[in-house]
Amino acid sequence: MKKQYYFESANSETCWTADYFESRMIEEGVKEITVYAAIPDKIPGVFWCTEHLYCGDDSAESCGNQCIEYEPRNGKNGCCRHHRSTVYELGGAVKLTLDS
């Protein structure tokens, strides 16, 4: 099952899971928070790193053996297991609530 991601604000560059926002609501003592849905999109030449939580350019030196977290999907070489071809665009506002 794919996880749903959300942006904290309309200006956020990083998206998080609902679990992250649930933890924040508990810490802050609130029962509801407004976030923005993260809509998956595939853009040629751009990737999302699930380890470092950022978008990168496939032509840049930002992904591969030089990364300390690099871990090949096949256990030998090639694409890192943290590399995703899906990036996230800002969607509409969503209210997340804590279950009582």
C-alpha atoms as a PDB file:
ATOM      1  CA  MET A   1       0.000   0.000   0.000  1.00  0.00           C
ATOM      2  CA  LYS A   2       1.373   3.406  -0.991  1.00  0.00           C
ATOM      3  CA  LYS A   3       1.772   6.030   1.718  1.00  0.00           C
ATOM      4  CA  GLN A   4       0.042   9.372   1.351  1.00  0.00           C
ATOM      5  CA  TYR A   5       2.303  12.374   1.846  1.00  0.00           C
ATOM      6  CA  TYR A   6       1.435  15.928   2.900  1.00  0.00           C
ATOM      7  CA  PHE A   7       3.153  19.315   2.865  1.00  0.00           C
ATOM      8  CA  GLU A   8       3.071  21.349   6.079  1.00  0.00           C
ATOM      9  CA  SER A   9       2.322  24.602   4.240  1.00  0.00           C
ATOM     10  CA  ALA A  10       1.901  25.922   0.719  1.00  0.00           C
ATOM     11  CA  ASN A  11       5.573  27.013   0.842  1.00  0.00           C
ATOM     12  CA  SER A  12       7.028  23.707   2.094  1.00  0.00           C
ATOM     13  CA  GLU A  13       9.515  21.829  -0.040  1.00  0.00           C
ATOM     14  CA  THR A  14       9.425  18.580   1.961  1.00  0.00           C
ATOM     15  CA  CYS A  15       6.413  16.330   2.402  1.00  0.00           C
ATOM     16  CA  TRP A  16       5.739  13.977   5.302  1.00  0.00           C
ATOM     17  CA  THR A  17       3.434  11.075   6.137  1.00  0.00           C
ATOM     18  CA  ALA A  18       0.267  11.416   8.219  1.00  0.00           C
ATOM     19  CA  ASP A  19       2.138   9.660  11.068  1.00  0.00           C
ATOM     20  CA  TYR A  20       4.592  12.554  11.235  1.00  0.00           C
ATOM     21  CA  PHE A  21       1.772  15.087  11.549  1.00  0.00           C
ATOM     22  CA  GLU A  22      -0.032  12.907  14.119  1.00  0.00           C
ATOM     23  CA  SER A  23       3.109  12.966  16.288  1.00  0.00           C
ATOM     24  CA  ARG A  24       3.317  16.743  15.899  1.00  0.00           C
ATOM     25  CA  MET A  25      -0.323  17.184  16.933  1.00  0.00           C
ATOM     26  CA  ILE A  26       0.286  15.092  20.059  1.00  0.00           C
ATOM     27  CA  GLU A  27       3.425  17.113  20.923  1.00  0.00           C
ATOM     28  CA  GLU A  28       1.658  20.429  20.337  1.00  0.00           C
ATOM     29  CA  GLY A  29      -1.557  19.363  22.086  1.00  0.00           C
ATOM     30  CA  VAL A  30      -3.853  20.056  19.137  1.00  0.00           C
ATOM     31  CA  LYS A  31      -6.549  17.803  17.682  1.00  0.00           C
ATOM     32  CA  GLU A  32      -6.572  19.131  14.126  1.00  0.00           C
ATOM     33  CA  ILE A  33      -4.068  20.485  11.607  1.00  0.00           C
ATOM     34  CA  THR A  34      -4.435  21.800   8.062  1.00  0.00           C
ATOM     35  CA  VAL A  35      -1.861  20.454   5.610  1.00  0.00           C
ATOM     36  CA  TYR A  36      -1.593  20.200   1.826  1.00  0.00           C
ATOM     37  CA  ALA A  37      -1.844  16.967  -0.120  1.00  0.00           C
ATOM     38  CA  ALA A  38       1.293  15.920  -1.992  1.00  0.00           C
ATOM     39  CA  ILE A  39       0.360  14.855  -5.505  1.00  0.00           C
ATOM     40  CA  PRO A  40       2.791  12.378  -7.092  1.00  0.00           C
ATOM     41  CA  ASP A  41       4.224  13.380 -10.450  1.00  0.00           C
ATOM     42  CA  LYS A  42       6.908  11.942 -12.723  1.00  0.00           C
ATOM     43  CA  ILE A  43       9.270  14.478 -14.259  1.00  0.00           C
ATOM     44  CA  PRO A  44      11.989  13.150 -16.573  1.00  0.00           C
ATOM     45  CA  GLY A  45      15.474  13.677 -15.112  1.00  0.00           C
ATOM     46  CA  VAL A  46      14.245  14.486 -11.591  1.00  0.00           C
ATOM     47  CA  PHE A  47      14.108  12.130  -8.606  1.00  0.00           C
ATOM     48  CA  TRP A  48      13.057  12.057  -4.944  1.00  0.00           C
ATOM     49  CA  CYS A  49      15.465  10.703  -2.303  1.00  0.00           C
ATOM     50  CA  THR A  50      13.497   8.978   0.470  1.00  0.00           C
ATOM     51  CA  GLU A  51      16.542   8.971   2.762  1.00  0.00           C
ATOM     52  CA  HIS A  52      17.467  12.662   2.562  1.00  0.00           C
ATOM     53  CA  LEU A  53      13.950  13.893   1.678  1.00  0.00           C
ATOM     54  CA  TYR A  54      14.843  16.080  -1.255  1.00  0.00           C
ATOM     55  CA  CYS A  55      14.433  16.347  -5.024  1.00  0.00           C
ATOM     56  CA  GLY A  56      17.525  15.921  -7.126  1.00  0.00           C
ATOM     57  CA  ASP A  57      18.600  16.120 -10.723  1.00  0.00           C
ATOM     58  CA  ASP A  58      19.619  12.818 -12.320  1.00  0.00           C
ATOM     59  CA  SER A  59      22.520  14.548 -14.071  1.00  0.00           C
ATOM     60  CA  ALA A  60      23.891  15.970 -10.794  1.00  0.00           C
ATOM     61  CA  GLU A  61      26.441  14.290  -8.561  1.00  0.00           C
ATOM     62  CA  SER A  62      23.856  14.065  -5.764  1.00  0.00           C
ATOM     63  CA  CYS A  63      22.990  10.373  -5.980  1.00  0.00           C
ATOM     64  CA  GLY A  64      25.275   7.382  -6.215  1.00  0.00           C
ATOM     65  CA  ASN A  65      28.458   6.033  -4.669  1.00  0.00           C
ATOM     66  CA  GLN A  66      29.423   9.432  -3.214  1.00  0.00           C
ATOM     67  CA  CYS A  67      26.360   9.355  -0.896  1.00  0.00           C
ATOM     68  CA  ILE A  68      27.037   7.776   2.498  1.00  0.00           C
ATOM     69  CA  GLU A  69      23.500   6.279   2.467  1.00  0.00           C
ATOM     70  CA  TYR A  70      23.887   4.747  -1.022  1.00  0.00           C
ATOM     71  CA  GLU A  71      22.530   1.202  -1.048  1.00  0.00           C
ATOM     72  CA  PRO A  72      21.997  -0.528  -4.406  1.00  0.00           C
ATOM     73  CA  ARG A  73      18.555  -2.075  -4.904  1.00  0.00           C
ATOM     74  CA  ASN A  74      20.091  -5.298  -6.211  1.00  0.00           C
ATOM     75  CA  GLY A  75      22.739  -5.420  -3.448  1.00  0.00           C
ATOM     76  CA  LYS A  76      25.623  -5.026  -5.924  1.00  0.00           C
ATOM     77  CA  ASN A  77      25.460  -1.840  -7.986  1.00  0.00           C
ATOM     78  CA  GLY A  78      23.114   0.451  -9.840  1.00  0.00           C
ATOM     79  CA  CYS A  79      20.169   2.509  -8.652  1.00  0.00           C
ATOM     80  CA  CYS A  80      19.961   3.257  -4.923  1.00  0.00           C
ATOM     81  CA  ARG A  81      17.022   1.861  -2.980  1.00  0.00           C
ATOM     82  CA  HIS A  82      16.233   5.420  -1.769  1.00  0.00           C
ATOM     83  CA  HIS A  83      15.935   6.776  -5.349  1.00  0.00           C
ATOM     84  CA  ARG A  84      12.359   7.316  -6.581  1.00  0.00           C
ATOM     85  CA  SER A  85      11.354   8.630  -9.985  1.00  0.00           C
ATOM     86  CA  THR A  86       8.256  10.208  -8.430  1.00  0.00           C
ATOM     87  CA  VAL A  87       8.361  13.777  -7.127  1.00  0.00           C
ATOM     88  CA  TYR A  88       5.534  15.561  -5.303  1.00  0.00           C
ATOM     89  CA  GLU A  89       3.580  18.645  -6.307  1.00  0.00           C
ATOM     90  CA  LEU A  90       1.446  20.770  -4.002  1.00  0.00           C
ATOM     91  CA  GLY A  91      -2.214  19.753  -3.861  1.00  0.00           C
ATOM     92  CA  GLY A  92      -5.250  21.091  -2.039  1.00  0.00           C
ATOM     93  CA  ALA A  93      -5.651  21.771   1.665  1.00  0.00           C
ATOM     94  CA  VAL A  94      -6.585  18.792   3.860  1.00  0.00           C
ATOM     95  CA  LYS A  95      -7.554  18.678   7.555  1.00  0.00           C
ATOM     96  CA  LEU A  96      -5.940  15.896   9.547  1.00  0.00           C
ATOM     97  CA  THR A  97      -7.464  15.066  12.947  1.00  0.00           C
ATOM     98  CA  LEU A  98      -6.409  12.931  15.879  1.00  0.00           C
ATOM     99  CA  ASP A  99      -8.722  10.024  16.632  1.00  0.00           C
ATOM    100  CA  SER A 100     -10.103  10.384  20.133  1.00  0.00           C
END
